[in-house]
Every structure is written in structure tokens, then in C-alpha cells.
PDB file of N, CA and C in Angstrom:
ATOM      1  N   UNK A   1       0.886  -1.255   0.087  1.00  0.00           N
ATOM      2  CA  UNK A   1       0.000   0.057  -0.013  1.00  0.00           C
ATOM      3  C   UNK A   1       0.879   1.223   0.004  1.00  0.00           C
ATOM      4  N   UNK A   2       0.487   2.240  -0.815  1.00  0.00           N
ATOM      5  CA  UNK A   2       1.303   3.492  -0.895  1.00  0.00           C
ATOM      6  C   UNK A   2       1.079   4.369   0.249  1.00  0.00           C
ATOM      7  N   UNK A   3       2.129   5.083   0.775  1.00  0.00           N
ATOM      8  CA  UNK A   3       2.117   5.890   1.816  1.00  0.00           C
ATOM      9  C   UNK A   3       1.883   7.283   1.327  1.00  0.00           C
ATOM     10  N   UNK A   4       1.005   8.032   1.893  1.00  0.00           N
ATOM     11  CA  UNK A   4       0.636   9.537   1.415  1.00  0.00           C
ATOM     12  C   UNK A   4       1.631  10.400   2.316  1.00  0.00           C
ATOM     13  N   UNK A   5       2.346  11.133   1.610  1.00  0.00           N
ATOM     14  CA  UNK A   5       3.272  12.157   2.364  1.00  0.00           C
ATOM     15  C   UNK A   5       2.712  13.507   2.161  1.00  0.00           C
ATOM     16  N   UNK A   6       2.553  14.164   3.346  1.00  0.00           N
ATOM     17  CA  UNK A   6       1.952  15.523   3.390  1.00  0.00           C
ATOM     18  C   UNK A   6       3.165  16.405   3.261  1.00  0.00           C
ATOM     19  N   UNK A   7       3.075  17.378   2.252  1.00  0.00           N
ATOM     20  CA  UNK A   7       4.061  18.515   2.214  1.00  0.00           C
ATOM     21  C   UNK A   7       3.530  19.653   2.800  1.00  0.00           C
ATOM     22  N   UNK A   8       4.450  20.439   3.350  1.00  0.00           N
ATOM     23  CA  UNK A   8       3.969  21.614   3.906  1.00  0.00           C
ATOM     24  C   UNK A   8       3.378  22.598   2.952  1.00  0.00           C
ATOM     25  N   UNK A   9       2.332  23.328   3.387  1.00  0.00           N
ATOM     26  CA  UNK A   9       1.731  24.263   2.496  1.00  0.00           C
ATOM     27  C   UNK A   9       2.512  25.453   2.209  1.00  0.00           C
ATOM     28  N   UNK A  10       2.507  25.824   0.936  1.00  0.00           N
ATOM     29  CA  UNK A  10       3.361  26.967   0.536  1.00  0.00           C
ATOM     30  C   UNK A  10       2.463  28.265   0.497  1.00  0.00           C
ATOM     31  N   UNK A  11       2.923  29.203   1.312  1.00  0.00           N
ATOM     32  CA  UNK A  11       2.086  30.503   1.414  1.00  0.00           C
ATOM     33  C   UNK A  11       2.881  31.468   0.684  1.00  0.00           C
ATOM     34  N   UNK A  12       2.037  32.311  -0.181  1.00  0.00           N
ATOM     35  CA  UNK A  12       2.875  33.427  -0.720  1.00  0.00           C
ATOM     36  C   UNK A  12       2.859  34.529   0.325  1.00  0.00           C
ATOM     37  N   UNK A  13       4.124  35.019   0.460  1.00  0.00           N
ATOM     38  CA  UNK A  13       4.287  36.082   1.433  1.00  0.00           C
ATOM     39  C   UNK A  13       3.613  37.320   1.114  1.00  0.00           C
ATOM     40  N   UNK A  14       3.115  38.012   2.149  1.00  0.00           N
ATOM     41  CA  UNK A  14       2.454  39.265   1.906  1.00  0.00           C
ATOM     42  C   UNK A  14       3.548  40.307   1.693  1.00  0.00           C
ATOM     43  N   UNK A  15       3.297  41.308   0.761  1.00  0.00           N
ATOM     44  CA  UNK A  15       4.271  42.368   0.572  1.00  0.00           C
ATOM     45  C   UNK A  15       4.651  43.076   1.712  1.00  0.00           C
ATOM     46  N   UNK A  16       5.769  43.427   1.991  1.00  0.00           N
ATOM     47  CA  UNK A  16       6.251  44.252   3.150  1.00  0.00           C
ATOM     48  C   UNK A  16       5.685  45.571   3.089  1.00  0.00           C
ATOM     49  N   UNK A  17       5.091  45.960   4.302  1.00  0.00           N
ATOM     50  CA  UNK A  17       4.618  47.361   4.336  1.00  0.00           C
ATOM     51  C   UNK A  17       5.729  48.172   5.065  1.00  0.00           C
ATOM     52  N   UNK A  18       5.709  49.366   4.455  1.00  0.00           N
ATOM     53  CA  UNK A  18       6.776  50.344   5.279  1.00  0.00           C
ATOM     54  C   UNK A  18       6.446  50.616   6.579  1.00  0.00           C
ATOM     55  N   UNK A  19       7.243  50.621   7.535  1.00  0.00           N
ATOM     56  CA  UNK A  19       7.071  50.918   8.863  1.00  0.00           C
ATOM     57  C   UNK A  19       7.443  52.397   9.034  1.00  0.00           C
ATOM     58  N   UNK A  20       6.840  52.963  10.129  1.00  0.00           N
ATOM     59  CA  UNK A  20       7.274  54.361  10.470  1.00  0.00           C
ATOM     60  C   UNK A  20       8.734  54.401  10.849  1.00  0.00           C
ATOM     61  N   UNK A  21       9.285  53.419  11.516  1.00  0.00           N
ATOM     62  CA  UNK A  21      10.648  53.438  11.955  1.00  0.00           C
ATOM     63  C   UNK A  21      11.426  53.209  10.649  1.00  0.00           C
ATOM     64  N   UNK A  22      11.116  52.429   9.802  1.00  0.00           N
ATOM     65  CA  UNK A  22      11.751  52.092   8.449  1.00  0.00           C
ATOM     66  C   UNK A  22      11.861  53.405   7.702  1.00  0.00           C
ATOM     67  N   UNK A  23      10.781  54.127   7.572  1.00  0.00           N
ATOM     68  CA  UNK A  23      10.687  55.211   6.758  1.00  0.00           C
ATOM     69  C   UNK A  23      11.643  56.363   7.384  1.00  0.00           C
ATOM     70  N   UNK A  24      11.648  56.536   8.741  1.00  0.00           N
ATOM     71  CA  UNK A  24      12.423  57.554   9.328  1.00  0.00           C
ATOM     72  C   UNK A  24      13.904  57.137   9.150  1.00  0.00           C
ATOM     73  N   UNK A  25      14.322  55.945   9.208  1.00  0.00           N
ATOM     74  CA  UNK A  25      15.659  55.535   9.008  1.00  0.00           C
ATOM     75  C   UNK A  25      16.050  55.845   7.608  1.00  0.00           C
ATOM     76  N   UNK A  26      15.168  55.517   6.556  1.00  0.00           N
ATOM     77  CA  UNK A  26      15.484  55.887   5.260  1.00  0.00           C
ATOM     78  C   UNK A  26      15.679  57.338   5.113  1.00  0.00           C
ATOM     79  N   UNK A  27      14.724  58.110   5.546  1.00  0.00           N
ATOM     80  CA  UNK A  27      14.860  59.576   5.467  1.00  0.00           C
ATOM     81  C   UNK A  27      16.173  60.048   5.992  1.00  0.00           C
ATOM     82  N   UNK A  28      16.554  59.635   7.130  1.00  0.00           N
ATOM     83  CA  UNK A  28      17.752  59.998   7.838  1.00  0.00           C
ATOM     84  C   UNK A  28      18.916  59.691   6.881  1.00  0.00           C
ATOM     85  N   UNK A  29      19.054  58.481   6.415  1.00  0.00           N
ATOM     86  CA  UNK A  29      20.186  58.082   5.525  1.00  0.00           C
ATOM     87  C   UNK A  29      20.189  58.962   4.259  1.00  0.00           C
ATOM     88  N   UNK A  30      19.098  59.158   3.671  1.00  0.00           N
ATOM     89  CA  UNK A  30      18.870  59.950   2.454  1.00  0.00           C
ATOM     90  C   UNK A  30      19.427  61.415   2.748  1.00  0.00           C
ATOM     91  N   UNK A  31      19.014  62.035   3.820  1.00  0.00           N
ATOM     92  CA  UNK A  31      19.500  63.357   4.028  1.00  0.00           C
ATOM     93  C   UNK A  31      20.879  63.352   4.448  1.00  0.00           C
ATOM     94  N   UNK A  32      21.319  62.440   5.240  1.00  0.00           N
ATOM     95  CA  UNK A  32      22.733  62.403   5.538  1.00  0.00           C
ATOM     96  C   UNK A  32      23.613  62.284   4.274  1.00  0.00           C
ATOM     97  N   UNK A  33      23.308  61.406   3.345  1.00  0.00           N
ATOM     98  CA  UNK A  33      24.013  61.155   2.193  1.00  0.00           C
ATOM     99  C   UNK A  33      24.096  62.380   1.306  1.00  0.00           C
ATOM    100  N   UNK A  34      22.957  63.057   1.142  1.00  0.00           N
ATOM    101  CA  UNK A  34      22.873  64.295   0.345  1.00  0.00           C
ATOM    102  C   UNK A  34      23.735  65.330   0.945  1.00  0.00           C
ATOM    103  N   UNK A  35      23.640  65.490   2.226  1.00  0.00           N
ATOM    104  CA  UNK A  35      24.419  66.490   2.989  1.00  0.00           C
ATOM    105  C   UNK A  35      25.949  66.304   2.751  1.00  0.00           C
ATOM    106  N   UNK A  36      26.330  64.958   2.842  1.00  0.00           N
ATOM    107  CA  UNK A  36      27.693  64.674   2.858  1.00  0.00           C
ATOM    108  C   UNK A  36      28.190  65.002   1.268  1.00  0.00           C
ATOM    109  N   UNK A  37      27.329  64.704   0.327  1.00  0.00           N
ATOM    110  CA  UNK A  37      27.772  64.851  -1.043  1.00  0.00           C
ATOM    111  C   UNK A  37      27.864  66.384  -1.336  1.00  0.00           C
ATOM    112  N   UNK A  38      26.963  67.150  -0.783  1.00  0.00           N
ATOM    113  CA  UNK A  38      27.099  68.683  -1.079  1.00  0.00           C
ATOM    114  C   UNK A  38      28.293  69.223  -0.312  1.00  0.00           C
ATOM    115  N   UNK A  39      28.554  68.772   0.868  1.00  0.00           N
ATOM    116  CA  UNK A  39      29.731  69.261   1.544  1.00  0.00           C
ATOM    117  C   UNK A  39      30.963  68.872   0.866  1.00  0.00           C
ATOM    118  N   UNK A  40      31.052  67.732   0.273  1.00  0.00           N
ATOM    119  CA  UNK A  40      32.199  67.354  -0.578  1.00  0.00           C
ATOM    120  C   UNK A  40      32.361  68.072  -1.671  1.00  0.00           C
ATOM    121  N   UNK A  41      31.271  68.518  -2.259  1.00  0.00           N
ATOM    122  CA  UNK A  41      31.286  69.345  -3.522  1.00  0.00           C
ATOM    123  C   UNK A  41      32.065  70.582  -3.294  1.00  0.00           C
ATOM    124  N   UNK A  42      31.980  71.230  -2.114  1.00  0.00           N
ATOM    125  CA  UNK A  42      32.681  72.409  -1.796  1.00  0.00           C
ATOM    126  C   UNK A  42      34.167  72.204  -1.170  1.00  0.00           C
ATOM    127  N   UNK A  43      34.475  70.937  -0.971  1.00  0.00           N
ATOM    128  CA  UNK A  43      35.754  70.607  -0.467  1.00  0.00           C
ATOM    129  C   UNK A  43      36.999  70.771  -1.478  1.00  0.00           C
ATOM    130  N   UNK A  44      38.044  71.071  -1.033  1.00  0.00           N
ATOM    131  CA  UNK A  44      39.259  71.262  -1.866  1.00  0.00           C
ATOM    132  C   UNK A  44      39.530  69.785  -2.533  1.00  0.00           C
ATOM    133  N   UNK A  45      40.270  69.965  -3.780  1.00  0.00           N
ATOM    134  CA  UNK A  45      40.602  68.655  -4.506  1.00  0.00           C
ATOM    135  C   UNK A  45      41.308  67.691  -3.555  1.00  0.00           C
ATOM    136  N   UNK A  46      42.243  68.172  -2.653  1.00  0.00           N
ATOM    137  CA  UNK A  46      43.009  67.317  -1.863  1.00  0.00           C
ATOM    138  C   UNK A  46      42.248  66.425  -0.929  1.00  0.00           C
ATOM    139  N   UNK A  47      41.103  66.854  -0.592  1.00  0.00           N
ATOM    140  CA  UNK A  47      40.184  66.126   0.257  1.00  0.00           C
ATOM    141  C   UNK A  47      39.460  65.063  -0.542  1.00  0.00           C
ATOM    142  N   UNK A  48      39.194  65.361  -1.776  1.00  0.00           N
ATOM    143  CA  UNK A  48      38.595  64.398  -2.754  1.00  0.00           C
ATOM    144  C   UNK A  48      39.555  63.398  -3.154  1.00  0.00           C
ATOM    145  N   UNK A  49      40.783  63.706  -3.297  1.00  0.00           N
ATOM    146  CA  UNK A  49      41.808  62.805  -3.731  1.00  0.00           C
ATOM    147  C   UNK A  49      42.028  61.809  -2.449  1.00  0.00           C
ATOM    148  N   UNK A  50      42.093  62.250  -1.180  1.00  0.00           N
ATOM    149  CA  UNK A  50      42.149  61.375  -0.125  1.00  0.00           C
ATOM    150  C   UNK A  50      40.997  60.404  -0.072  1.00  0.00           C
ATOM    151  N   UNK A  51      39.765  60.750  -0.636  1.00  0.00           N
ATOM    152  CA  UNK A  51      38.809  59.831  -0.632  1.00  0.00           C
ATOM    153  C   UNK A  51      38.622  58.966  -1.863  1.00  0.00           C
ATOM    154  N   UNK A  52      39.615  59.277  -2.806  1.00  0.00           N
ATOM    155  CA  UNK A  52      39.679  58.512  -3.944  1.00  0.00           C
ATOM    156  C   UNK A  52      38.650  58.764  -5.012  1.00  0.00           C
ATOM    157  N   UNK A  53      38.327  60.089  -4.907  1.00  0.00           N
ATOM    158  CA  UNK A  53      37.342  60.626  -5.943  1.00  0.00           C
ATOM    159  C   UNK A  53      37.879  61.800  -6.799  1.00  0.00           C
ATOM    160  N   UNK A  54      37.316  61.908  -8.019  1.00  0.00           N
ATOM    161  CA  UNK A  54      37.543  63.150  -8.642  1.00  0.00           C
ATOM    162  C   UNK A  54      36.334  64.011  -8.554  1.00  0.00           C
ATOM    163  N   UNK A  55      36.487  65.278  -8.921  1.00  0.00           N
ATOM    164  CA  UNK A  55      35.277  66.249  -8.898  1.00  0.00           C
ATOM    165  C   UNK A  55      34.234  65.725  -9.831  1.00  0.00           C
ATOM    166  N   UNK A  56      34.686  65.292 -10.978  1.00  0.00           N
ATOM    167  CA  UNK A  56      33.656  64.725 -11.929  1.00  0.00           C
ATOM    168  C   UNK A  56      32.801  63.634 -11.380  1.00  0.00           C
ATOM    169  N   UNK A  57      33.685  62.544 -10.794  1.00  0.00           N
ATOM    170  CA  UNK A  57      32.910  61.493 -10.153  1.00  0.00           C
ATOM    171  C   UNK A  57      31.861  61.899  -9.111  1.00  0.00           C
ATOM    172  N   UNK A  58      32.283  62.848  -8.240  1.00  0.00           N
ATOM    173  CA  UNK A  58      31.383  63.520  -7.223  1.00  0.00           C
ATOM    174  C   UNK A  58      30.268  64.101  -7.850  1.00  0.00           C
ATOM    175  N   UNK A  59      30.361  64.831  -8.891  1.00  0.00           N
ATOM    176  CA  UNK A  59      29.248  65.532  -9.557  1.00  0.00           C
ATOM    177  C   UNK A  59      28.278  64.570 -10.102  1.00  0.00           C
ATOM    178  N   UNK A  60      28.823  63.400 -10.680  1.00  0.00           N
ATOM    179  CA  UNK A  60      27.860  62.392 -11.265  1.00  0.00           C
ATOM    180  C   UNK A  60      27.178  61.743 -10.121  1.00  0.00           C
ATOM    181  N   UNK A  61      27.734  61.439  -8.920  1.00  0.00           N
ATOM    182  CA  UNK A  61      27.070  60.806  -7.871  1.00  0.00           C
ATOM    183  C   UNK A  61      25.919  61.794  -7.302  1.00  0.00           C
ATOM    184  N   UNK A  62      26.172  63.040  -7.315  1.00  0.00           N
ATOM    185  CA  UNK A  62      25.172  63.994  -6.876  1.00  0.00           C
ATOM    186  C   UNK A  62      24.065  64.156  -7.760  1.00  0.00           C
ATOM    187  N   UNK A  63      24.316  63.933  -9.019  1.00  0.00           N
ATOM    188  CA  UNK A  63      23.246  64.173 -10.082  1.00  0.00           C
ATOM    189  C   UNK A  63      22.338  62.854 -10.134  1.00  0.00           C
ATOM    190  N   UNK A  64      22.735  61.699  -9.522  1.00  0.00           N
ATOM    191  CA  UNK A  64      21.842  60.598  -9.511  1.00  0.00           C
ATOM    192  C   UNK A  64      20.551  60.943  -8.791  1.00  0.00           C
ATOM    193  N   UNK A  65      19.584  60.232  -9.368  1.00  0.00           N
ATOM    194  CA  UNK A  65      18.170  60.228  -8.669  1.00  0.00           C
ATOM    195  C   UNK A  65      18.313  59.491  -7.334  1.00  0.00           C
ATOM    196  N   UNK A  66      17.356  59.914  -6.263  1.00  0.00           N
ATOM    197  CA  UNK A  66      17.431  59.354  -5.029  1.00  0.00           C
ATOM    198  C   UNK A  66      17.356  57.829  -5.019  1.00  0.00           C
ATOM    199  N   UNK A  67      16.553  57.159  -5.961  1.00  0.00           N
ATOM    200  CA  UNK A  67      16.512  55.818  -5.835  1.00  0.00           C
ATOM    201  C   UNK A  67      17.632  54.884  -6.350  1.00  0.00           C
ATOM    202  N   UNK A  68      18.535  55.610  -6.822  1.00  0.00           N
ATOM    203  CA  UNK A  68      19.814  54.948  -7.211  1.00  0.00           C
ATOM    204  C   UNK A  68      20.917  55.109  -6.204  1.00  0.00           C
ATOM    205  N   UNK A  69      21.475  53.964  -5.853  1.00  0.00           N
ATOM    206  CA  UNK A  69      22.501  53.984  -4.708  1.00  0.00           C
ATOM    207  C   UNK A  69      23.800  54.285  -5.365  1.00  0.00           C
TER     208      UNK A  69
END
């Protein structure tokens, strides 16, 4: 006689909802990164060289939309 094996039910996960804490963290990171980028924009070239960046690379990073990292 054949034995019936029960497999666990597969549930489709619900989409993640943004939480207030997650949104606050995202907003803080976003503003911090933007502020750092703009501060570096006015920094001397020697500071950018220490960070391994050129002014052109920095300007390209600043020009990116917020959803691109």
C-alpha cells in the first residue's frame, strides 16, 4: 500500500509594508548622504583625492536620482 506524504503548504508572502521606523531611518540616511555629497562638492581637491574621488565622479554621484544608490 502506498504511503501518502503530506508536504507543508506554501504560502505566498504578503508584501512588506513600510513601517514608520523604517521610513524614518530611510529619510535620515537619504538626508545624511545628500548633505555629505554637497559638503564634499565644496571641499578642496586634496580632500577628494584622499577619498579616492575626482570632482567629476562626485558631480555624477550627486546628479543621480534618489532611488539609485
